[in-house]
Amino acid sequence: NITGKVGGEPQHDGWHSLWTIHAPPKAKHILWRISKGCLPTRMGLQERHVPCPLSCPLCNHDNEDDWHVLFGCDVSIQARQTAGLELIVQPIASVS
């Protein structure tokens, strides 16, 4: 339920860990949005019947979805490198 309790006992799921990490609230919020698949990308907006172009407004090459925003867009990659985050934020290698 909304209080996080079942039968009077508090319930802790994986999200409890996310909210307790030592990071700024904005970082926790973006991590939550990424993990829930609710970034406001153009593909996501189209799925919700919001008329908008699908192409990425930064690079104008590919459709803007979660993966593209985080790992596929050259502008996003360059910004991450400039911020010194390229070793921290990396896609997980696919397991064959």
Foldseek 3Di string as FASTA:
>chain_A
DVVCDDPNHHDDDPLVVLVPDPDDPVVSVVVVCLVVQNDPFPVVCVVVVNDDDQADPPQRPDGTGSCCCQPNPPVNCVVCVVVVNNVPRDDDDDDD
